[in-house]
Amino acid sequence: MIKTMLLLEEKLEEGSVCYFDSSNIYACKYNANTKQLAIIFKGAGQYVYEDITNYNFQRFKVAESQGKHFRNYIQTKFKFIKVEGKVNLEPILTLIEQLKKNKPTIE
């Protein structure tokens, strides 16, 4: 059985938004047209990574640990920018908590 921290993936015309039950990452948004991956980190704000292929994104979103996968395969391999300003976390955190409450337990 494959364990994943992915709680929800919302498909968009240009890509996806994903929410995670992760100790390091709240959510991400992938734009397949621009090959940009925006990641919202717990305590570190938001960063946008460039030249992320769909293959890279698919591997990231279903990884057993998004934080480990990020450190091993994205962090030092892709150019990035830090998004200035605060991210409004309230709706994201509310959704994540609702998803975690409704997440089926697998034994």
PDB file of N, CA and C in Angstrom:
ATOM      1  N   MET A   1       0.826  -1.176   0.000  1.00  0.00           N
ATOM      2  CA  MET A   1       0.000   0.000   0.000  1.00  0.00           C
ATOM      3  C   MET A   1       0.880   1.252   0.000  1.00  0.00           C
ATOM      4  N   ILE A   2       0.535   2.213  -0.838  1.00  0.00           N
ATOM      5  CA  ILE A   2       1.289   3.468  -0.923  1.00  0.00           C
ATOM      6  C   ILE A   2       0.662   4.482   0.013  1.00  0.00           C
ATOM      7  N   LYS A   3       1.490   5.053   0.870  1.00  0.00           N
ATOM      8  CA  LYS A   3       1.042   6.089   1.793  1.00  0.00           C
ATOM      9  C   LYS A   3       1.328   7.443   1.149  1.00  0.00           C
ATOM     10  N   THR A   4       0.351   8.332   1.185  1.00  0.00           N
ATOM     11  CA  THR A   4       0.552   9.669   0.643  1.00  0.00           C
ATOM     12  C   THR A   4      -0.044  10.692   1.604  1.00  0.00           C
ATOM     13  N   MET A   5       0.522  11.874   1.609  1.00  0.00           N
ATOM     14  CA  MET A   5       0.040  12.946   2.463  1.00  0.00           C
ATOM     15  C   MET A   5      -0.936  13.863   1.715  1.00  0.00           C
ATOM     16  N   LEU A   6      -1.221  13.540   0.463  1.00  0.00           N
ATOM     17  CA  LEU A   6      -2.136  14.332  -0.348  1.00  0.00           C
ATOM     18  C   LEU A   6      -3.563  14.184   0.187  1.00  0.00           C
ATOM     19  N   LEU A   7      -4.165  15.295   0.595  1.00  0.00           N
ATOM     20  CA  LEU A   7      -5.533  15.281   1.094  1.00  0.00           C
ATOM     21  C   LEU A   7      -6.540  15.549  -0.007  1.00  0.00           C
ATOM     22  N   LEU A   8      -6.187  16.458  -0.916  1.00  0.00           N
ATOM     23  CA  LEU A   8      -7.118  16.863  -1.963  1.00  0.00           C
ATOM     24  C   LEU A   8      -6.337  17.457  -3.128  1.00  0.00           C
ATOM     25  N   GLU A   9      -6.754  17.114  -4.327  1.00  0.00           N
ATOM     26  CA  GLU A   9      -6.226  17.757  -5.527  1.00  0.00           C
ATOM     27  C   GLU A   9      -7.404  18.353  -6.274  1.00  0.00           C
ATOM     28  N   GLU A  10      -7.352  19.659  -6.498  1.00  0.00           N
ATOM     29  CA  GLU A  10      -8.371  20.348  -7.287  1.00  0.00           C
ATOM     30  C   GLU A  10      -7.788  20.610  -8.668  1.00  0.00           C
ATOM     31  N   LYS A  11      -8.413  20.033  -9.685  1.00  0.00           N
ATOM     32  CA  LYS A  11      -7.945  20.208 -11.059  1.00  0.00           C
ATOM     33  C   LYS A  11      -8.386  21.571 -11.568  1.00  0.00           C
ATOM     34  N   LEU A  12      -7.458  22.254 -12.197  1.00  0.00           N
ATOM     35  CA  LEU A  12      -7.721  23.539 -12.834  1.00  0.00           C
ATOM     36  C   LEU A  12      -7.459  23.396 -14.319  1.00  0.00           C
ATOM     37  N   GLU A  13      -7.922  24.350 -15.093  1.00  0.00           N
ATOM     38  CA  GLU A  13      -7.687  24.296 -16.534  1.00  0.00           C
ATOM     39  C   GLU A  13      -6.190  24.241 -16.850  1.00  0.00           C
ATOM     40  N   GLU A  14      -5.400  25.010 -16.095  1.00  0.00           N
ATOM     41  CA  GLU A  14      -3.965  25.079 -16.364  1.00  0.00           C
ATOM     42  C   GLU A  14      -3.121  24.179 -15.481  1.00  0.00           C
ATOM     43  N   GLY A  15      -3.728  23.465 -14.521  1.00  0.00           N
ATOM     44  CA  GLY A  15      -2.931  22.619 -13.637  1.00  0.00           C
ATOM     45  C   GLY A  15      -3.726  22.106 -12.463  1.00  0.00           C
ATOM     46  N   SER A  16      -3.152  22.221 -11.263  1.00  0.00           N
ATOM     47  CA  SER A  16      -3.780  21.679 -10.056  1.00  0.00           C
ATOM     48  C   SER A  16      -3.400  22.479  -8.820  1.00  0.00           C
ATOM     49  N   VAL A  17      -4.284  22.422  -7.822  1.00  0.00           N
ATOM     50  CA  VAL A  17      -3.989  22.899  -6.480  1.00  0.00           C
ATOM     51  C   VAL A  17      -4.094  21.681  -5.568  1.00  0.00           C
ATOM     52  N   CYS A  18      -3.093  21.478  -4.720  1.00  0.00           N
ATOM     53  CA  CYS A  18      -3.065  20.322  -3.822  1.00  0.00           C
ATOM     54  C   CYS A  18      -2.916  20.780  -2.381  1.00  0.00           C
ATOM     55  N   TYR A  19      -3.580  20.050  -1.486  1.00  0.00           N
ATOM     56  CA  TYR A  19      -3.505  20.307  -0.056  1.00  0.00           C
ATOM     57  C   TYR A  19      -2.946  19.060   0.609  1.00  0.00           C
ATOM     58  N   PHE A  20      -2.059  19.247   1.598  1.00  0.00           N
ATOM     59  CA  PHE A  20      -1.336  18.130   2.184  1.00  0.00           C
ATOM     60  C   PHE A  20      -1.496  18.053   3.702  1.00  0.00           C
ATOM     61  N   ASP A  21      -1.383  16.845   4.213  1.00  0.00           N
ATOM     62  CA  ASP A  21      -1.281  16.585   5.649  1.00  0.00           C
ATOM     63  C   ASP A  21       0.207  16.374   5.929  1.00  0.00           C
ATOM     64  N   SER A  22       0.957  17.455   5.824  1.00  0.00           N
ATOM     65  CA  SER A  22       2.415  17.410   5.885  1.00  0.00           C
ATOM     66  C   SER A  22       2.911  18.265   7.038  1.00  0.00           C
ATOM     67  N   SER A  23       4.032  17.890   7.598  1.00  0.00           N
ATOM     68  CA  SER A  23       4.594  18.682   8.695  1.00  0.00           C
ATOM     69  C   SER A  23       5.334  19.916   8.188  1.00  0.00           C
ATOM     70  N   ASN A  24       5.619  19.990   6.881  1.00  0.00           N
ATOM     71  CA  ASN A  24       6.389  21.112   6.342  1.00  0.00           C
ATOM     72  C   ASN A  24       5.661  21.950   5.295  1.00  0.00           C
ATOM     73  N   ILE A  25       4.698  21.359   4.613  1.00  0.00           N
ATOM     74  CA  ILE A  25       4.079  22.014   3.462  1.00  0.00           C
ATOM     75  C   ILE A  25       2.560  21.979   3.601  1.00  0.00           C
ATOM     76  N   TYR A  26       1.931  23.160   3.464  1.00  0.00           N
ATOM     77  CA  TYR A  26       0.474  23.233   3.508  1.00  0.00           C
ATOM     78  C   TYR A  26      -0.142  22.846   2.173  1.00  0.00           C
ATOM     79  N   ALA A  27       0.335  23.499   1.114  1.00  0.00           N
ATOM     80  CA  ALA A  27      -0.333  23.353  -0.175  1.00  0.00           C
ATOM     81  C   ALA A  27       0.615  23.743  -1.304  1.00  0.00           C
ATOM     82  N   CYS A  28       0.173  23.416  -2.520  1.00  0.00           N
ATOM     83  CA  CYS A  28       0.923  23.845  -3.696  1.00  0.00           C
ATOM     84  C   CYS A  28      -0.039  24.079  -4.852  1.00  0.00           C
ATOM     85  N   LYS A  29       0.432  24.841  -5.814  1.00  0.00           N
ATOM     86  CA  LYS A  29      -0.322  25.074  -7.045  1.00  0.00           C
ATOM     87  C   LYS A  29       0.639  24.878  -8.201  1.00  0.00           C
ATOM     88  N   TYR A  30       0.251  24.016  -9.129  1.00  0.00           N
ATOM     89  CA  TYR A  30       1.093  23.737 -10.296  1.00  0.00           C
ATOM     90  C   TYR A  30       0.408  24.269 -11.541  1.00  0.00           C
ATOM     91  N   ASN A  31       1.164  25.017 -12.346  1.00  0.00           N
ATOM     92  CA  ASN A  31       0.683  25.511 -13.630  1.00  0.00           C
ATOM     93  C   ASN A  31       1.457  24.780 -14.716  1.00  0.00           C
ATOM     94  N   ALA A  32       0.778  23.893 -15.426  1.00  0.00           N
ATOM     95  CA  ALA A  32       1.433  23.082 -16.457  1.00  0.00           C
ATOM     96  C   ALA A  32       1.863  23.926 -17.655  1.00  0.00           C
ATOM     97  N   ASN A  33       1.157  25.021 -17.915  1.00  0.00           N
ATOM     98  CA  ASN A  33       1.507  25.881 -19.055  1.00  0.00           C
ATOM     99  C   ASN A  33       2.821  26.620 -18.833  1.00  0.00           C
ATOM    100  N   THR A  34       3.013  27.135 -17.624  1.00  0.00           N
ATOM    101  CA  THR A  34       4.223  27.903 -17.325  1.00  0.00           C
ATOM    102  C   THR A  34       5.299  27.060 -16.648  1.00  0.00           C
ATOM    103  N   LYS A  35       4.938  25.826 -16.265  1.00  0.00           N
ATOM    104  CA  LYS A  35       5.826  24.913 -15.542  1.00  0.00           C
ATOM    105  C   LYS A  35       6.305  25.510 -14.219  1.00  0.00           C
ATOM    106  N   GLN A  36       5.394  26.223 -13.546  1.00  0.00           N
ATOM    107  CA  GLN A  36       5.698  26.813 -12.248  1.00  0.00           C
ATOM    108  C   GLN A  36       4.977  26.039 -11.150  1.00  0.00           C
ATOM    109  N   LEU A  37       5.691  25.820 -10.062  1.00  0.00           N
ATOM    110  CA  LEU A  37       5.135  25.168  -8.888  1.00  0.00           C
ATOM    111  C   LEU A  37       5.262  26.127  -7.714  1.00  0.00           C
ATOM    112  N   ALA A  38       4.128  26.601  -7.213  1.00  0.00           N
ATOM    113  CA  ALA A  38       4.103  27.471  -6.036  1.00  0.00           C
ATOM    114  C   ALA A  38       3.853  26.590  -4.822  1.00  0.00           C
ATOM    115  N   ILE A  39       4.692  26.721  -3.806  1.00  0.00           N
ATOM    116  CA  ILE A  39       4.570  25.909  -2.596  1.00  0.00           C
ATOM    117  C   ILE A  39       4.425  26.836  -1.398  1.00  0.00           C
ATOM    118  N   ILE A  40       3.424  26.552  -0.558  1.00  0.00           N
ATOM    119  CA  ILE A  40       3.233  27.297   0.683  1.00  0.00           C
ATOM    120  C   ILE A  40       3.788  26.436   1.811  1.00  0.00           C
ATOM    121  N   PHE A  41       4.852  26.929   2.424  1.00  0.00           N
ATOM    122  CA  PHE A  41       5.539  26.216   3.497  1.00  0.00           C
ATOM    123  C   PHE A  41       5.032  26.671   4.855  1.00  0.00           C
ATOM    124  N   LYS A  42       5.032  25.770   5.798  1.00  0.00           N
ATOM    125  CA  LYS A  42       4.687  26.135   7.168  1.00  0.00           C
ATOM    126  C   LYS A  42       5.811  26.979   7.741  1.00  0.00           C
ATOM    127  N   GLY A  43       5.491  28.202   8.112  1.00  0.00           N
ATOM    128  CA  GLY A  43       6.463  29.076   8.743  1.00  0.00           C
ATOM    129  C   GLY A  43       7.475  29.731   7.824  1.00  0.00           C
ATOM    130  N   ALA A  44       7.426  29.460   6.524  1.00  0.00           N
ATOM    131  CA  ALA A  44       8.445  30.019   5.639  1.00  0.00           C
ATOM    132  C   ALA A  44       7.867  30.781   4.452  1.00  0.00           C
ATOM    133  N   GLY A  45       6.570  30.897   4.369  1.00  0.00           N
ATOM    134  CA  GLY A  45       5.967  31.644   3.285  1.00  0.00           C
ATOM    135  C   GLY A  45       5.794  30.835   2.010  1.00  0.00           C
ATOM    136  N   GLN A  46       5.732  31.558   0.909  1.00  0.00           N
ATOM    137  CA  GLN A  46       5.477  30.934  -0.387  1.00  0.00           C
ATOM    138  C   GLN A  46       6.644  31.162  -1.341  1.00  0.00           C
ATOM    139  N   TYR A  47       6.986  30.108  -2.068  1.00  0.00           N
ATOM    140  CA  TYR A  47       8.039  30.153  -3.080  1.00  0.00           C
ATOM    141  C   TYR A  47       7.494  29.593  -4.376  1.00  0.00           C
ATOM    142  N   VAL A  48       7.985  30.126  -5.481  1.00  0.00           N
ATOM    143  CA  VAL A  48       7.598  29.636  -6.799  1.00  0.00           C
ATOM    144  C   VAL A  48       8.838  29.059  -7.473  1.00  0.00           C
ATOM    145  N   TYR A  49       8.734  27.806  -7.897  1.00  0.00           N
ATOM    146  CA  TYR A  49       9.838  27.087  -8.539  1.00  0.00           C
ATOM    147  C   TYR A  49       9.582  27.011 -10.035  1.00  0.00           C
ATOM    148  N   GLU A  50      10.639  27.221 -10.816  1.00  0.00           N
ATOM    149  CA  GLU A  50      10.551  27.305 -12.276  1.00  0.00           C
ATOM    150  C   GLU A  50      10.953  26.001 -12.946  1.00  0.00           C
ATOM    151  N   ASP A  51      10.441  25.798 -14.149  1.00  0.00           N
ATOM    152  CA  ASP A  51      10.816  24.664 -15.018  1.00  0.00           C
ATOM    153  C   ASP A  51      10.498  23.301 -14.403  1.00  0.00           C
ATOM    154  N   ILE A  52       9.415  23.222 -13.668  1.00  0.00           N
ATOM    155  CA  ILE A  52       8.974  21.953 -13.076  1.00  0.00           C
ATOM    156  C   ILE A  52       8.123  21.224 -14.111  1.00  0.00           C
ATOM    157  N   THR A  53       8.573  20.078 -14.543  1.00  0.00           N
ATOM    158  CA  THR A  53       7.794  19.311 -15.522  1.00  0.00           C
ATOM    159  C   THR A  53       6.599  18.657 -14.824  1.00  0.00           C
ATOM    160  N   ASN A  54       5.644  18.233 -15.623  1.00  0.00           N
ATOM    161  CA  ASN A  54       4.484  17.535 -15.069  1.00  0.00           C
ATOM    162  C   ASN A  54       4.942  16.278 -14.322  1.00  0.00           C
ATOM    163  N   TYR A  55       5.940  15.599 -14.846  1.00  0.00           N
ATOM    164  CA  TYR A  55       6.486  14.413 -14.193  1.00  0.00           C
ATOM    165  C   TYR A  55       7.013  14.760 -12.793  1.00  0.00           C
ATOM    166  N   ASN A  56       7.778  15.862 -12.693  1.00  0.00           N
ATOM    167  CA  ASN A  56       8.292  16.299 -11.387  1.00  0.00           C
ATOM    168  C   ASN A  56       7.145  16.602 -10.427  1.00  0.00           C
ATOM    169  N   PHE A  57       6.123  17.289 -10.920  1.00  0.00           N
ATOM    170  CA  PHE A  57       4.973  17.636 -10.086  1.00  0.00           C
ATOM    171  C   PHE A  57       4.231  16.384  -9.624  1.00  0.00           C
ATOM    172  N   GLN A  58       3.984  15.454 -10.527  1.00  0.00           N
ATOM    173  CA  GLN A  58       3.259  14.227 -10.166  1.00  0.00           C
ATOM    174  C   GLN A  58       3.994  13.457  -9.080  1.00  0.00           C
ATOM    175  N   ARG A  59       5.303  13.356  -9.194  1.00  0.00           N
ATOM    176  CA  ARG A  59       6.098  12.664  -8.185  1.00  0.00           C
ATOM    177  C   ARG A  59       6.023  13.386  -6.835  1.00  0.00           C
ATOM    178  N   PHE A  60       6.093  14.716  -6.862  1.00  0.00           N
ATOM    179  CA  PHE A  60       6.020  15.512  -5.639  1.00  0.00           C
ATOM    180  C   PHE A  60       4.677  15.323  -4.938  1.00  0.00           C
ATOM    181  N   LYS A  61       3.591  15.435  -5.671  1.00  0.00           N
ATOM    182  CA  LYS A  61       2.271  15.426  -5.028  1.00  0.00           C
ATOM    183  C   LYS A  61       1.919  14.075  -4.407  1.00  0.00           C
ATOM    184  N   VAL A  62       2.426  12.971  -4.945  1.00  0.00           N
ATOM    185  CA  VAL A  62       2.082  11.655  -4.395  1.00  0.00           C
ATOM    186  C   VAL A  62       3.187  11.062  -3.516  1.00  0.00           C
ATOM    187  N   ALA A  63       4.223  11.827  -3.264  1.00  0.00           N
ATOM    188  CA  ALA A  63       5.326  11.328  -2.429  1.00  0.00           C
ATOM    189  C   ALA A  63       4.822  10.975  -1.033  1.00  0.00           C
ATOM    190  N   GLU A  64       5.486  10.035  -0.414  1.00  0.00           N
ATOM    191  CA  GLU A  64       5.136   9.662   0.957  1.00  0.00           C
ATOM    192  C   GLU A  64       5.354  10.841   1.894  1.00  0.00           C
ATOM    193  N   SER A  65       6.354  11.675   1.579  1.00  0.00           N
ATOM    194  CA  SER A  65       6.634  12.889   2.340  1.00  0.00           C
ATOM    195  C   SER A  65       6.974  14.004   1.362  1.00  0.00           C
ATOM    196  N   GLN A  66       6.122  15.031   1.302  1.00  0.00           N
ATOM    197  CA  GLN A  66       6.400  16.150   0.404  1.00  0.00           C
ATOM    198  C   GLN A  66       7.669  16.876   0.826  1.00  0.00           C
ATOM    199  N   GLY A  67       7.901  17.004   2.132  1.00  0.00           N
ATOM    200  CA  GLY A  67       9.097  17.696   2.615  1.00  0.00           C
ATOM    201  C   GLY A  67      10.372  16.997   2.189  1.00  0.00           C
ATOM    202  N   LYS A  68      10.424  15.679   2.357  1.00  0.00           N
ATOM    203  CA  LYS A  68      11.613  14.925   1.945  1.00  0.00           C
ATOM    204  C   LYS A  68      11.796  14.965   0.435  1.00  0.00           C
ATOM    205  N   HIS A  69      10.703  14.794  -0.283  1.00  0.00           N
ATOM    206  CA  HIS A  69      10.796  14.823  -1.740  1.00  0.00           C
ATOM    207  C   HIS A  69      11.281  16.205  -2.199  1.00  0.00           C
ATOM    208  N   PHE A  70      10.732  17.250  -1.599  1.00  0.00           N
ATOM    209  CA  PHE A  70      11.151  18.607  -1.935  1.00  0.00           C
ATOM    210  C   PHE A  70      12.648  18.780  -1.711  1.00  0.00           C
ATOM    211  N   ARG A  71      13.125  18.394  -0.541  1.00  0.00           N
ATOM    212  CA  ARG A  71      14.551  18.552  -0.225  1.00  0.00           C
ATOM    213  C   ARG A  71      15.438  17.742  -1.174  1.00  0.00           C
ATOM    214  N   ASN A  72      15.016  16.548  -1.526  1.00  0.00           N
ATOM    215  CA  ASN A  72      15.848  15.669  -2.356  1.00  0.00           C
ATOM    216  C   ASN A  72      15.795  15.962  -3.855  1.00  0.00           C
ATOM    217  N   TYR A  73      14.658  16.455  -4.343  1.00  0.00           N
ATOM    218  CA  TYR A  73      14.482  16.540  -5.793  1.00  0.00           C
ATOM    219  C   TYR A  73      14.136  17.916  -6.348  1.00  0.00           C
ATOM    220  N   ILE A  74      13.817  18.878  -5.489  1.00  0.00           N
ATOM    221  CA  ILE A  74      13.399  20.194  -6.000  1.00  0.00           C
ATOM    222  C   ILE A  74      14.261  21.326  -5.457  1.00  0.00           C
ATOM    223  N   GLN A  75      14.474  21.372  -4.171  1.00  0.00           N
ATOM    224  CA  GLN A  75      15.067  22.515  -3.475  1.00  0.00           C
ATOM    225  C   GLN A  75      16.329  23.060  -4.143  1.00  0.00           C
ATOM    226  N   THR A  76      17.280  22.216  -4.441  1.00  0.00           N
ATOM    227  CA  THR A  76      18.552  22.704  -4.989  1.00  0.00           C
ATOM    228  C   THR A  76      18.676  22.492  -6.497  1.00  0.00           C
ATOM    229  N   LYS A  77      17.637  21.976  -7.119  1.00  0.00           N
ATOM    230  CA  LYS A  77      17.721  21.648  -8.543  1.00  0.00           C
ATOM    231  C   LYS A  77      16.969  22.619  -9.454  1.00  0.00           C
ATOM    232  N   PHE A  78      16.125  23.464  -8.873  1.00  0.00           N
ATOM    233  CA  PHE A  78      15.314  24.368  -9.677  1.00  0.00           C
ATOM    234  C   PHE A  78      15.445  25.802  -9.170  1.00  0.00           C
ATOM    235  N   LYS A  79      15.388  26.753 -10.093  1.00  0.00           N
ATOM    236  CA  LYS A  79      15.398  28.167  -9.729  1.00  0.00           C
ATOM    237  C   LYS A  79      14.074  28.496  -9.052  1.00  0.00           C
ATOM    238  N   PHE A  80      14.128  29.491  -8.143  1.00  0.00           N
ATOM    239  CA  PHE A  80      12.919  29.862  -7.410  1.00  0.00           C
ATOM    240  C   PHE A  80      12.942  31.334  -7.055  1.00  0.00           C
ATOM    241  N   ILE A  81      11.761  31.829  -6.708  1.00  0.00           N
ATOM    242  CA  ILE A  81      11.632  33.170  -6.148  1.00  0.00           C
ATOM    243  C   ILE A  81      10.757  33.074  -4.903  1.00  0.00           C
ATOM    244  N   LYS A  82      11.063  33.905  -3.919  1.00  0.00           N
ATOM    245  CA  LYS A  82      10.218  33.987  -2.727  1.00  0.00           C
ATOM    246  C   LYS A  82       9.144  35.022  -3.006  1.00  0.00           C
ATOM    247  N   VAL A  83       7.908  34.645  -2.772  1.00  0.00           N
ATOM    248  CA  VAL A  83       6.788  35.564  -2.978  1.00  0.00           C
ATOM    249  C   VAL A  83       6.713  36.476  -1.764  1.00  0.00           C
ATOM    250  N   GLU A  84       6.797  37.772  -2.022  1.00  0.00           N
ATOM    251  CA  GLU A  84       6.749  38.746  -0.930  1.00  0.00           C
ATOM    252  C   GLU A  84       5.321  38.901  -0.435  1.00  0.00           C
ATOM    253  N   GLY A  85       5.196  39.278   0.813  1.00  0.00           N
ATOM    254  CA  GLY A  85       3.880  39.479   1.403  1.00  0.00           C
ATOM    255  C   GLY A  85       3.395  38.228   2.107  1.00  0.00           C
ATOM    256  N   LYS A  86       2.337  38.398   2.833  1.00  0.00           N
ATOM    257  CA  LYS A  86       1.767  37.298   3.619  1.00  0.00           C
ATOM    258  C   LYS A  86       0.738  36.539   2.796  1.00  0.00           C
ATOM    259  N   VAL A  87       0.724  35.245   2.988  1.00  0.00           N
ATOM    260  CA  VAL A  87      -0.294  34.395   2.394  1.00  0.00           C
ATOM    261  C   VAL A  87      -1.436  34.296   3.397  1.00  0.00           C
ATOM    262  N   ASN A  88      -2.669  34.484   2.938  1.00  0.00           N
ATOM    263  CA  ASN A  88      -3.819  34.324   3.824  1.00  0.00           C
ATOM    264  C   ASN A  88      -4.031  32.828   4.048  1.00  0.00           C
ATOM    265  N   LEU A  89      -3.560  32.345   5.188  1.00  0.00           N
ATOM    266  CA  LEU A  89      -3.598  30.918   5.490  1.00  0.00           C
ATOM    267  C   LEU A  89      -4.935  30.444   6.042  1.00  0.00           C
ATOM    268  N   GLU A  90      -5.770  31.351   6.506  1.00  0.00           N
ATOM    269  CA  GLU A  90      -7.003  30.941   7.178  1.00  0.00           C
ATOM    270  C   GLU A  90      -7.864  29.986   6.344  1.00  0.00           C
ATOM    271  N   PRO A  91      -8.197  30.304   5.082  1.00  0.00           N
ATOM    272  CA  PRO A  91      -9.019  29.353   4.319  1.00  0.00           C
ATOM    273  C   PRO A  91      -8.294  28.037   4.024  1.00  0.00           C
ATOM    274  N   ILE A  92      -6.997  28.105   3.852  1.00  0.00           N
ATOM    275  CA  ILE A  92      -6.213  26.889   3.583  1.00  0.00           C
ATOM    276  C   ILE A  92      -6.210  25.987   4.810  1.00  0.00           C
ATOM    277  N   LEU A  93      -5.945  26.568   5.973  1.00  0.00           N
ATOM    278  CA  LEU A  93      -5.905  25.784   7.211  1.00  0.00           C
ATOM    279  C   LEU A  93      -7.275  25.205   7.556  1.00  0.00           C
ATOM    280  N   THR A  94      -8.326  25.977   7.320  1.00  0.00           N
ATOM    281  CA  THR A  94      -9.682  25.490   7.579  1.00  0.00           C
ATOM    282  C   THR A  94      -9.990  24.284   6.702  1.00  0.00           C
ATOM    283  N   LEU A  95      -9.658  24.390   5.424  1.00  0.00           N
ATOM    284  CA  LEU A  95      -9.901  23.283   4.502  1.00  0.00           C
ATOM    285  C   LEU A  95      -9.080  22.050   4.886  1.00  0.00           C
ATOM    286  N   ILE A  96      -7.810  22.247   5.208  1.00  0.00           N
ATOM    287  CA  ILE A  96      -6.955  21.115   5.593  1.00  0.00           C
ATOM    288  C   ILE A  96      -7.511  20.413   6.829  1.00  0.00           C
ATOM    289  N   GLU A  97      -7.940  21.177   7.825  1.00  0.00           N
ATOM    290  CA  GLU A  97      -8.508  20.572   9.036  1.00  0.00           C
ATOM    291  C   GLU A  97      -9.771  19.785   8.715  1.00  0.00           C
ATOM    292  N   GLN A  98     -10.636  20.315   7.857  1.00  0.00           N
ATOM    293  CA  GLN A  98     -11.847  19.594   7.458  1.00  0.00           C
ATOM    294  C   GLN A  98     -11.490  18.306   6.726  1.00  0.00           C
ATOM    295  N   LEU A  99     -10.516  18.379   5.840  1.00  0.00           N
ATOM    296  CA  LEU A  99     -10.107  17.197   5.082  1.00  0.00           C
ATOM    297  C   LEU A  99      -9.496  16.138   5.994  1.00  0.00           C
ATOM    298  N   LYS A 100      -8.703  16.575   6.970  1.00  0.00           N
ATOM    299  CA  LYS A 100      -8.082  15.626   7.901  1.00  0.00           C
ATOM    300  C   LYS A 100      -9.135  14.919   8.754  1.00  0.00           C
ATOM    301  N   LYS A 101     -10.186  15.644   9.142  1.00  0.00           N
ATOM    302  CA  LYS A 101     -11.260  15.040   9.936  1.00  0.00           C
ATOM    303  C   LYS A 101     -12.009  13.980   9.136  1.00  0.00           C
ATOM    304  N   ASN A 102     -12.134  14.212   7.847  1.00  0.00           N
ATOM    305  CA  ASN A 102     -12.890  13.290   6.989  1.00  0.00           C
ATOM    306  C   ASN A 102     -12.020  12.253   6.300  1.00  0.00           C
ATOM    307  N   LYS A 103     -10.717  12.291   6.560  1.00  0.00           N
ATOM    308  CA  LYS A 103      -9.791  11.354   5.923  1.00  0.00           C
ATOM    309  C   LYS A 103     -10.034   9.951   6.480  1.00  0.00           C
ATOM    310  N   PRO A 104     -10.258   8.981   5.597  1.00  0.00           N
ATOM    311  CA  PRO A 104     -10.470   7.621   6.109  1.00  0.00           C
ATOM    312  C   PRO A 104      -9.194   7.062   6.725  1.00  0.00           C
ATOM    313  N   THR A 105      -9.346   6.317   7.788  1.00  0.00           N
ATOM    314  CA  THR A 105      -8.202   5.681   8.421  1.00  0.00           C
ATOM    315  C   THR A 105      -7.975   4.330   7.775  1.00  0.00           C
ATOM    316  N   ILE A 106      -6.731   4.033   7.472  1.00  0.00           N
ATOM    317  CA  ILE A 106      -6.370   2.771   6.828  1.00  0.00           C
ATOM    318  C   ILE A 106      -5.548   1.960   7.818  1.00  0.00           C
ATOM    319  N   GLU A 107      -5.993   0.759   8.073  1.00  0.00           N
ATOM    320  CA  GLU A 107      -5.275  -0.100   9.029  1.00  0.00           C
ATOM    321  C   GLU A 107      -4.671  -1.283   8.336  1.00  0.00           C
TER     322      GLU A 107
END
